[in-house]
């Protein structure tokens, strides 16, 4: 096997999106970050951990186009609007008040960065209707992504 798919929910979704952000070379085919609590944006103007402003050991002129061209899904539960257990630091709250808002913010901000940078954007936003912060239901919905 030369590639693999990956999916993570909640903290696992945070791992997936940061793995795809910071790993210069991977064999990931499809990556799905589901219901993350907050995000590290592909933004050089935002300070770490909410962006990569201070990170100098990654070649961002090559990494940013690779990241934004990945077969990457931001998967969100349409009812994941609880604020329980969320990071409430200023950088997280700036992304939205709940996981659904933060995921949409991450996706649209990344899309804008791609457009403004003139790089190809291959990400998809997948909102699972009627589902909250429920890993089993999110995993079941992710199987549709992995079986097409």
Protein backbone atom coordinates (compact mmCIF):
# COMPACT_ATOMS: atom_id res chain seq x y z
CA UNK A 1 0.00 0.00 0.00
CA UNK A 2 1.40 3.38 -0.96
CA UNK A 3 -1.14 5.67 0.72
CA UNK A 4 -3.68 5.71 3.51
CA UNK A 5 -6.75 7.62 4.64
CA UNK A 6 -7.09 9.19 8.06
CA UNK A 7 -10.02 10.39 10.15
CA UNK A 8 -10.11 11.95 13.59
CA UNK A 9 -12.90 13.30 15.76
CA UNK A 10 -12.61 16.17 18.26
CA UNK A 11 -9.01 16.06 19.57
CA UNK A 12 -8.39 13.46 16.86
CA UNK A 13 -9.61 15.99 14.28
CA UNK A 14 -7.15 18.49 15.70
CA UNK A 15 -4.39 15.93 15.24
CA UNK A 16 -5.44 15.24 11.64
CA UNK A 17 -5.52 18.86 10.53
CA UNK A 18 -2.24 19.71 12.27
CA UNK A 19 -0.57 16.58 10.89
CA UNK A 20 -1.60 17.66 7.39
CA UNK A 21 -0.51 21.24 8.09
CA UNK A 22 2.97 20.56 9.41
CA UNK A 23 4.09 17.31 7.77
CA UNK A 24 5.90 18.24 4.59
CA UNK A 25 5.69 14.77 3.09
CA UNK A 26 3.05 12.17 3.87
CA UNK A 27 1.30 9.35 2.09
CA UNK A 28 -2.15 10.55 3.13
CA UNK A 29 -4.73 10.03 0.41
CA UNK A 30 -7.84 11.45 2.09
CA UNK A 31 -7.87 13.23 5.45
CA UNK A 32 -10.98 14.06 7.47
CA UNK A 33 -10.85 16.35 10.50
CA UNK A 34 -14.18 16.02 12.31
CA UNK A 35 -15.60 18.38 14.94
CA UNK A 36 -12.29 19.87 16.08
CA UNK A 37 -12.47 22.20 19.05
CA UNK A 38 -10.20 24.81 17.46
CA UNK A 39 -7.74 25.09 14.60
CA UNK A 40 -4.26 26.10 13.58
CA UNK A 41 -4.91 28.25 10.52
CA UNK A 42 -2.60 28.15 7.50
CA UNK A 43 -1.94 31.82 8.17
CA UNK A 44 1.48 33.44 8.59
CA UNK A 45 -0.12 36.49 10.22
CA UNK A 46 -1.58 34.52 13.14
CA UNK A 47 0.63 33.59 16.07
CA UNK A 48 1.13 29.95 16.96
CA UNK A 49 -0.83 27.88 17.95
CA UNK A 50 -3.64 29.62 16.00
CA UNK A 51 -1.41 30.22 12.95
CA UNK A 52 2.21 29.61 12.00
CA UNK A 53 3.70 33.09 12.33
CA UNK A 54 6.64 32.04 14.53
CA UNK A 55 7.30 28.66 12.89
CA UNK A 56 10.41 28.98 10.77
CA UNK A 57 11.53 25.37 10.24
CA UNK A 58 8.86 24.60 7.62
CA UNK A 59 9.22 25.82 4.04
CA UNK A 60 5.80 27.48 3.83
CA UNK A 61 6.22 28.59 0.21
CA UNK A 62 6.11 24.86 -0.63
CA UNK A 63 4.01 23.58 2.27
CA UNK A 64 1.06 25.97 1.90
CA UNK A 65 0.25 24.91 -1.69
CA UNK A 66 0.63 21.22 -0.69
CA UNK A 67 -1.66 21.66 2.30
CA UNK A 68 -4.38 23.51 0.43
CA UNK A 69 -4.28 21.05 -2.49
CA UNK A 70 -4.75 18.00 -0.24
CA UNK A 71 -7.81 15.81 -0.50
CA UNK A 72 -8.90 17.21 2.86
CA UNK A 73 -12.33 17.34 4.46
CA UNK A 74 -13.51 19.55 7.29
CA UNK A 75 -16.35 17.41 8.66
CA UNK A 76 -18.79 19.11 11.02
CA UNK A 77 -21.85 17.99 12.90
CA UNK A 78 -24.69 20.32 11.96
CA UNK A 79 -25.80 20.33 15.60
CA UNK A 80 -22.35 20.52 17.22
CA UNK A 81 -23.12 23.84 18.88
CA UNK A 82 -22.44 23.09 22.55
CA UNK A 83 -19.77 25.16 24.24
CA UNK A 84 -19.04 22.52 26.88
CA UNK A 85 -15.38 21.55 27.10
CA UNK A 86 -14.20 24.06 24.49
CA UNK A 87 -10.96 26.02 24.60
CA UNK A 88 -12.08 29.52 25.56
CA UNK A 89 -8.80 31.33 25.04
CA UNK A 90 -8.92 34.46 22.92
CA UNK A 91 -7.47 32.82 19.79
CA UNK A 92 -10.05 30.03 19.89
CA UNK A 93 -13.00 32.29 20.60
CA UNK A 94 -11.99 34.43 17.60
CA UNK A 95 -12.72 31.35 15.45
CA UNK A 96 -16.30 31.07 16.73
CA UNK A 97 -18.32 30.23 19.80
CA UNK A 98 -18.75 26.50 19.10
CA UNK A 99 -17.27 23.67 17.00
CA UNK A 100 -19.63 24.22 14.07
CA UNK A 101 -18.77 27.92 13.82
CA UNK A 102 -15.05 27.26 14.29
CA UNK A 103 -14.99 24.60 11.60
CA UNK A 104 -16.76 26.85 9.12
CA UNK A 105 -14.35 29.65 9.99
CA UNK A 106 -11.34 27.36 9.43
CA UNK A 107 -12.66 26.23 6.07
CA UNK A 108 -13.62 29.68 4.74
CA UNK A 109 -10.44 31.32 6.06
CA UNK A 110 -8.31 28.62 4.43
CA UNK A 111 -10.27 29.03 1.19
CA UNK A 112 -9.63 32.80 1.27
CA UNK A 113 -5.93 32.27 1.95
CA UNK A 114 -5.73 29.97 -1.07
CA UNK A 115 -7.50 32.51 -3.28
CA UNK A 116 -5.35 35.41 -2.07
CA UNK A 117 -2.18 33.33 -2.49
CA UNK A 118 -3.15 32.11 -5.94
CA UNK A 119 -2.92 28.45 -4.94
CA UNK A 120 -5.27 25.59 -5.74
CA UNK A 121 -7.82 24.80 -3.02
CA UNK A 122 -9.02 21.18 -2.97
CA UNK A 123 -10.67 20.99 0.45
CA UNK A 124 -14.29 20.07 1.00
CA UNK A 125 -16.68 21.06 3.75
CA UNK A 126 -18.95 18.24 4.90
CA UNK A 127 -21.74 19.12 7.32
CA UNK A 128 -23.59 16.14 8.76
CA UNK A 129 -27.18 17.27 9.43
CA UNK A 130 -28.75 16.52 12.80
CA UNK A 131 -25.53 15.32 14.42
CA UNK A 132 -23.82 16.93 17.39
CA UNK A 133 -20.53 15.98 19.01
CA UNK A 134 -21.14 12.27 18.37
CA UNK A 135 -18.11 10.33 17.14
CA UNK A 136 -20.01 7.19 16.12
CA UNK A 137 -22.41 9.11 13.87
CA UNK A 138 -19.61 11.23 12.45
CA UNK A 139 -17.53 8.12 11.69
CA UNK A 140 -20.48 6.52 9.93
CA UNK A 141 -20.89 9.65 7.79
CA UNK A 142 -17.15 9.67 7.04
CA UNK A 143 -17.44 6.19 5.54
CA UNK A 144 -19.26 7.80 2.60
CA UNK A 145 -16.16 9.91 1.97
CA UNK A 146 -13.85 6.91 2.15
CA UNK A 147 -15.92 4.63 -0.06
CA UNK A 148 -16.47 6.82 -3.10
